[in-house]
Amino acid sequence: QVQLVESGGGLVQAGGSLRLSCAASGLTFGSYAMGWYRQAPGKERELVAAISSGGITNYADSVKGRFTISRDNAKNTVYLQMNSLKPEDTAVYYCAKDRTRWQTGQIDYWGQGTQVTVSS
């Protein structure tokens, strides 16, 4: 059974930082691309960042230069370091497993989500 569990969300002031973690189990973690998505109230879910099994990364333009995705295959964990946070970053952030080694956008497992709230 594949399970993805996010942690690290919370309330932070604009300009602050948070680090999200996603602990994976029930899969050969190092064989799959992983991603972080977010969904704000009334908006569609969007890709924030993705990382291939080999560590190649991709970011949404809105977060490029501020967010960093990384992974530790030995710990079966993917991270999202979020710096210079803006109120527009407020959303529920979801960890996601891609079907392949590369980010295709075809997600077969999702975490439960963790709330990130950025106050102005």
N, C-alpha and C. Protein backbone atom coordinates (compact mmCIF):
# COMPACT_ATOMS: atom_id res chain seq x y z
N GLN A 1 0.84 -1.19 0.00
CA GLN A 1 0.00 0.00 0.00
C GLN A 1 0.88 1.24 0.00
N VAL A 2 0.73 2.07 -1.01
CA VAL A 2 1.50 3.30 -1.11
C VAL A 2 0.88 4.35 -0.20
N GLN A 3 1.72 5.02 0.56
CA GLN A 3 1.25 6.08 1.43
C GLN A 3 2.23 7.24 1.38
N LEU A 4 1.70 8.45 1.25
CA LEU A 4 2.49 9.67 1.25
C LEU A 4 1.96 10.56 2.37
N VAL A 5 2.83 10.98 3.27
CA VAL A 5 2.42 11.76 4.42
C VAL A 5 3.21 13.05 4.46
N GLU A 6 2.51 14.17 4.29
CA GLU A 6 3.14 15.49 4.32
C GLU A 6 3.19 16.03 5.75
N SER A 7 4.18 16.88 5.99
CA SER A 7 4.28 17.58 7.25
C SER A 7 5.05 18.87 7.03
N GLY A 8 4.99 19.76 8.00
CA GLY A 8 5.77 20.98 7.96
C GLY A 8 4.99 22.24 7.62
N GLY A 9 3.71 22.11 7.30
CA GLY A 9 2.92 23.28 7.02
C GLY A 9 2.63 24.07 8.27
N GLY A 10 2.09 25.26 8.08
CA GLY A 10 1.75 26.11 9.20
C GLY A 10 1.51 27.53 8.77
N LEU A 11 1.51 28.41 9.76
CA LEU A 11 1.29 29.84 9.55
C LEU A 11 2.62 30.57 9.62
N VAL A 12 2.87 31.40 8.63
CA VAL A 12 4.13 32.14 8.58
C VAL A 12 3.85 33.53 8.02
N GLN A 13 4.65 34.50 8.43
CA GLN A 13 4.52 35.85 7.91
C GLN A 13 5.15 35.96 6.53
N ALA A 14 4.64 36.88 5.75
CA ALA A 14 5.23 37.14 4.44
C ALA A 14 6.72 37.40 4.57
N GLY A 15 7.48 36.80 3.67
CA GLY A 15 8.92 36.90 3.72
C GLY A 15 9.59 35.79 4.49
N GLY A 16 8.80 35.00 5.20
CA GLY A 16 9.34 33.91 5.99
C GLY A 16 9.54 32.65 5.18
N SER A 17 9.91 31.59 5.89
CA SER A 17 10.24 30.32 5.25
C SER A 17 9.56 29.16 5.95
N LEU A 18 9.31 28.11 5.18
CA LEU A 18 8.83 26.84 5.70
C LEU A 18 9.50 25.73 4.90
N ARG A 19 9.63 24.58 5.53
CA ARG A 19 10.14 23.40 4.85
C ARG A 19 9.13 22.28 4.99
N LEU A 20 8.59 21.84 3.88
CA LEU A 20 7.65 20.73 3.86
C LEU A 20 8.38 19.43 3.62
N SER A 21 7.89 18.38 4.25
CA SER A 21 8.44 17.05 4.06
C SER A 21 7.33 16.10 3.64
N CYS A 22 7.69 15.12 2.85
CA CYS A 22 6.77 14.07 2.43
C CYS A 22 7.46 12.74 2.61
N ALA A 23 6.95 11.95 3.53
CA ALA A 23 7.50 10.62 3.80
C ALA A 23 6.70 9.59 3.02
N ALA A 24 7.39 8.81 2.23
CA ALA A 24 6.74 7.81 1.38
C ALA A 24 6.99 6.41 1.90
N SER A 25 6.01 5.56 1.72
CA SER A 25 6.14 4.15 2.08
C SER A 25 5.34 3.30 1.10
N GLY A 26 5.68 2.03 1.04
CA GLY A 26 4.95 1.12 0.19
C GLY A 26 5.32 1.17 -1.28
N LEU A 27 6.46 1.76 -1.59
CA LEU A 27 6.91 1.85 -2.97
C LEU A 27 8.43 1.87 -3.01
N THR A 28 8.98 1.58 -4.18
CA THR A 28 10.41 1.74 -4.40
C THR A 28 10.64 3.21 -4.72
N PHE A 29 10.84 3.98 -3.68
CA PHE A 29 10.80 5.44 -3.77
C PHE A 29 11.74 5.99 -4.83
N GLY A 30 12.95 5.47 -4.87
CA GLY A 30 13.95 6.00 -5.79
C GLY A 30 13.67 5.75 -7.25
N SER A 31 12.65 4.99 -7.57
CA SER A 31 12.32 4.67 -8.95
C SER A 31 11.33 5.63 -9.58
N TYR A 32 10.84 6.61 -8.82
CA TYR A 32 9.75 7.44 -9.31
C TYR A 32 10.02 8.93 -9.14
N ALA A 33 9.53 9.69 -10.11
CA ALA A 33 9.50 11.13 -9.95
C ALA A 33 8.47 11.50 -8.89
N MET A 34 8.73 12.60 -8.20
CA MET A 34 7.83 13.10 -7.18
C MET A 34 7.54 14.57 -7.44
N GLY A 35 6.44 15.03 -6.91
CA GLY A 35 6.08 16.42 -7.11
C GLY A 35 5.35 17.01 -5.92
N TRP A 36 5.35 18.33 -5.89
CA TRP A 36 4.54 19.09 -4.95
C TRP A 36 3.52 19.89 -5.75
N TYR A 37 2.28 19.78 -5.36
CA TYR A 37 1.18 20.54 -5.93
C TYR A 37 0.53 21.37 -4.84
N ARG A 38 -0.21 22.38 -5.24
CA ARG A 38 -0.94 23.15 -4.25
C ARG A 38 -2.30 23.54 -4.80
N GLN A 39 -3.22 23.78 -3.89
CA GLN A 39 -4.56 24.19 -4.26
C GLN A 39 -5.06 25.22 -3.27
N ALA A 40 -5.35 26.40 -3.77
CA ALA A 40 -5.92 27.47 -2.98
C ALA A 40 -7.44 27.41 -3.08
N PRO A 41 -8.15 27.97 -2.10
CA PRO A 41 -9.61 27.95 -2.15
C PRO A 41 -10.15 28.55 -3.44
N GLY A 42 -11.05 27.83 -4.08
CA GLY A 42 -11.66 28.31 -5.30
C GLY A 42 -10.80 28.21 -6.54
N LYS A 43 -9.61 27.65 -6.43
CA LYS A 43 -8.72 27.52 -7.56
C LYS A 43 -8.39 26.06 -7.84
N GLU A 44 -7.93 25.81 -9.04
CA GLU A 44 -7.57 24.45 -9.42
C GLU A 44 -6.20 24.09 -8.85
N ARG A 45 -5.98 22.81 -8.69
CA ARG A 45 -4.69 22.34 -8.22
C ARG A 45 -3.63 22.58 -9.28
N GLU A 46 -2.47 23.05 -8.84
CA GLU A 46 -1.40 23.37 -9.77
C GLU A 46 -0.08 22.77 -9.32
N LEU A 47 0.75 22.46 -10.30
CA LEU A 47 2.09 21.96 -10.02
C LEU A 47 2.95 23.08 -9.48
N VAL A 48 3.65 22.82 -8.39
CA VAL A 48 4.59 23.76 -7.81
C VAL A 48 6.02 23.40 -8.20
N ALA A 49 6.38 22.15 -7.99
CA ALA A 49 7.73 21.70 -8.29
C ALA A 49 7.72 20.20 -8.47
N ALA A 50 8.66 19.70 -9.26
CA ALA A 50 8.78 18.27 -9.49
C ALA A 50 10.25 17.89 -9.53
N ILE A 51 10.51 16.64 -9.22
CA ILE A 51 11.88 16.14 -9.23
C ILE A 51 11.88 14.71 -9.75
N SER A 52 12.76 14.43 -10.69
CA SER A 52 12.85 13.09 -11.26
C SER A 52 13.54 12.16 -10.28
N SER A 53 13.52 10.88 -10.61
CA SER A 53 14.20 9.91 -9.76
C SER A 53 15.69 10.20 -9.64
N GLY A 54 16.26 10.84 -10.65
CA GLY A 54 17.67 11.18 -10.64
C GLY A 54 18.00 12.56 -10.11
N GLY A 55 16.98 13.33 -9.72
CA GLY A 55 17.22 14.62 -9.10
C GLY A 55 17.09 15.83 -10.01
N ILE A 56 16.61 15.66 -11.23
CA ILE A 56 16.38 16.80 -12.11
C ILE A 56 15.08 17.48 -11.69
N THR A 57 15.12 18.80 -11.58
CA THR A 57 14.00 19.54 -11.01
C THR A 57 13.31 20.43 -12.03
N ASN A 58 12.07 20.77 -11.71
CA ASN A 58 11.27 21.67 -12.52
C ASN A 58 10.38 22.46 -11.58
N TYR A 59 10.17 23.76 -11.88
CA TYR A 59 9.41 24.63 -11.01
C TYR A 59 8.41 25.46 -11.79
N ALA A 60 7.31 25.76 -11.13
CA ALA A 60 6.40 26.74 -11.67
C ALA A 60 7.08 28.11 -11.67
N ASP A 61 6.77 28.92 -12.67
CA ASP A 61 7.39 30.24 -12.76
C ASP A 61 7.14 31.08 -11.51
N SER A 62 6.00 30.90 -10.89
CA SER A 62 5.63 31.70 -9.74
C SER A 62 6.49 31.45 -8.51
N VAL A 63 7.17 30.31 -8.47
CA VAL A 63 7.97 29.97 -7.30
C VAL A 63 9.45 29.86 -7.61
N LYS A 64 9.82 29.95 -8.86
CA LYS A 64 11.22 29.80 -9.24
C LYS A 64 12.09 30.84 -8.55
N GLY A 65 13.18 30.39 -7.98
CA GLY A 65 14.06 31.26 -7.24
C GLY A 65 13.73 31.39 -5.77
N ARG A 66 12.55 30.93 -5.38
CA ARG A 66 12.12 31.00 -3.99
C ARG A 66 11.98 29.62 -3.35
N PHE A 67 11.53 28.65 -4.13
CA PHE A 67 11.30 27.30 -3.63
C PHE A 67 12.36 26.35 -4.17
N THR A 68 12.68 25.33 -3.39
CA THR A 68 13.61 24.30 -3.81
C THR A 68 13.06 22.93 -3.45
N ILE A 69 12.95 22.06 -4.44
CA ILE A 69 12.54 20.69 -4.19
C ILE A 69 13.79 19.81 -4.14
N SER A 70 13.79 18.85 -3.25
CA SER A 70 14.90 17.93 -3.13
C SER A 70 14.38 16.59 -2.64
N ARG A 71 15.22 15.58 -2.72
CA ARG A 71 14.81 14.27 -2.25
C ARG A 71 15.98 13.55 -1.62
N ASP A 72 15.65 12.69 -0.68
CA ASP A 72 16.63 11.83 -0.02
C ASP A 72 16.11 10.42 -0.19
N ASN A 73 16.64 9.72 -1.18
CA ASN A 73 16.12 8.39 -1.48
C ASN A 73 16.38 7.39 -0.36
N ALA A 74 17.46 7.59 0.38
CA ALA A 74 17.75 6.70 1.50
C ALA A 74 16.71 6.82 2.59
N LYS A 75 16.08 7.99 2.70
CA LYS A 75 15.07 8.23 3.72
C LYS A 75 13.66 8.19 3.16
N ASN A 76 13.52 7.90 1.88
CA ASN A 76 12.21 7.86 1.22
C ASN A 76 11.42 9.15 1.46
N THR A 77 12.10 10.26 1.32
CA THR A 77 11.49 11.55 1.64
C THR A 77 11.79 12.58 0.56
N VAL A 78 10.78 13.37 0.24
CA VAL A 78 10.93 14.51 -0.66
C VAL A 78 10.61 15.77 0.13
N TYR A 79 11.35 16.85 -0.14
CA TYR A 79 11.21 18.09 0.59
C TYR A 79 10.85 19.24 -0.33
N LEU A 80 10.24 20.25 0.25
CA LEU A 80 10.02 21.51 -0.45
C LEU A 80 10.42 22.63 0.49
N GLN A 81 11.56 23.24 0.21
CA GLN A 81 12.01 24.40 0.96
C GLN A 81 11.39 25.64 0.34
N MET A 82 10.64 26.39 1.13
CA MET A 82 9.93 27.56 0.64
C MET A 82 10.47 28.79 1.34
N ASN A 83 11.07 29.68 0.58
CA ASN A 83 11.62 30.92 1.11
C ASN A 83 10.89 32.11 0.51
N SER A 84 11.06 33.26 1.14
CA SER A 84 10.43 34.50 0.66
C SER A 84 8.95 34.30 0.37
N LEU A 85 8.26 33.71 1.30
CA LEU A 85 6.86 33.36 1.09
C LEU A 85 5.99 34.60 0.94
N LYS A 86 4.99 34.47 0.09
CA LYS A 86 4.05 35.53 -0.20
C LYS A 86 2.64 35.07 0.17
N PRO A 87 1.74 36.01 0.44
CA PRO A 87 0.35 35.61 0.71
C PRO A 87 -0.25 34.77 -0.42
N GLU A 88 0.17 35.00 -1.64
CA GLU A 88 -0.32 34.23 -2.78
C GLU A 88 0.09 32.76 -2.72
N ASP A 89 1.04 32.42 -1.87
CA ASP A 89 1.45 31.03 -1.71
C ASP A 89 0.52 30.25 -0.79
N THR A 90 -0.41 30.93 -0.15
CA THR A 90 -1.33 30.27 0.76
C THR A 90 -2.15 29.22 0.01
N ALA A 91 -2.10 27.99 0.49
CA ALA A 91 -2.78 26.88 -0.17
C ALA A 91 -2.57 25.62 0.66
N VAL A 92 -3.29 24.58 0.28
CA VAL A 92 -2.98 23.25 0.76
C VAL A 92 -1.96 22.65 -0.20
N TYR A 93 -0.87 22.17 0.34
CA TYR A 93 0.21 21.61 -0.46
C TYR A 93 0.16 20.08 -0.39
N TYR A 94 0.23 19.46 -1.56
CA TYR A 94 0.11 18.02 -1.67
C TYR A 94 1.37 17.41 -2.26
N CYS A 95 1.81 16.35 -1.65
CA CYS A 95 2.87 15.52 -2.20
C CYS A 95 2.25 14.54 -3.18
N ALA A 96 2.94 14.26 -4.28
CA ALA A 96 2.40 13.40 -5.31
C ALA A 96 3.47 12.50 -5.90
N LYS A 97 3.08 11.30 -6.23
CA LYS A 97 3.94 10.33 -6.89
C LYS A 97 3.56 10.24 -8.35
N ASP A 98 4.55 10.41 -9.21
CA ASP A 98 4.35 10.23 -10.63
C ASP A 98 4.42 8.75 -10.99
N ARG A 99 3.86 8.42 -12.13
CA ARG A 99 3.82 7.02 -12.55
C ARG A 99 5.16 6.49 -13.02
N THR A 100 6.08 7.39 -13.38
CA THR A 100 7.35 6.98 -13.97
C THR A 100 8.51 7.69 -13.29
N ARG A 101 9.71 7.52 -13.84
CA ARG A 101 10.90 8.17 -13.33
C ARG A 101 10.92 9.66 -13.60
N TRP A 102 10.17 10.09 -14.61
CA TRP A 102 10.11 11.48 -15.01
C TRP A 102 8.75 12.07 -14.69
N GLN A 103 8.75 13.37 -14.45
CA GLN A 103 7.49 14.05 -14.15
C GLN A 103 6.64 14.13 -15.41
N THR A 104 5.57 13.39 -15.44
CA THR A 104 4.66 13.38 -16.57
C THR A 104 3.35 14.08 -16.27
N GLY A 105 3.11 14.36 -15.00
CA GLY A 105 1.83 14.91 -14.60
C GLY A 105 0.77 13.85 -14.40
N GLN A 106 1.11 12.61 -14.63
CA GLN A 106 0.19 11.50 -14.41
C GLN A 106 0.44 10.95 -13.02
N ILE A 107 -0.36 11.41 -12.08
CA ILE A 107 -0.19 11.09 -10.68
C ILE A 107 -1.04 9.90 -10.32
N ASP A 108 -0.44 8.93 -9.65
CA ASP A 108 -1.23 7.78 -9.22
C ASP A 108 -1.43 7.71 -7.71
N TYR A 109 -0.69 8.53 -6.93
CA TYR A 109 -0.90 8.59 -5.49
C TYR A 109 -0.69 10.01 -5.00
N TRP A 110 -1.54 10.41 -4.06
CA TRP A 110 -1.48 11.73 -3.45
C TRP A 110 -1.38 11.62 -1.94
N GLY A 111 -0.69 12.58 -1.34
CA GLY A 111 -0.72 12.71 0.10
C GLY A 111 -2.00 13.39 0.54
N GLN A 112 -2.18 13.51 1.84
CA GLN A 112 -3.40 14.10 2.38
C GLN A 112 -3.40 15.62 2.36
N GLY A 113 -2.24 16.21 2.17
CA GLY A 113 -2.12 17.65 2.11
C GLY A 113 -1.73 18.27 3.44
N THR A 114 -1.03 19.39 3.37
CA THR A 114 -0.67 20.17 4.54
C THR A 114 -0.91 21.64 4.25
N GLN A 115 -1.53 22.33 5.19
CA GLN A 115 -1.92 23.72 4.99
C GLN A 115 -0.74 24.65 5.19
N VAL A 116 -0.56 25.55 4.24
CA VAL A 116 0.42 26.63 4.35
C VAL A 116 -0.34 27.94 4.27
N THR A 117 -0.21 28.76 5.30
CA THR A 117 -0.88 30.05 5.33
C THR A 117 0.16 31.15 5.53
N VAL A 118 0.19 32.10 4.62
CA VAL A 118 1.14 33.19 4.67
C VAL A 118 0.38 34.48 4.92
N SER A 119 0.67 35.13 6.03
CA SER A 119 0.00 36.36 6.40
C SER A 119 0.78 37.57 5.91
N SER A 120 0.06 38.63 5.59
CA SER A 120 0.68 39.85 5.10
C SER A 120 0.91 40.85 6.22
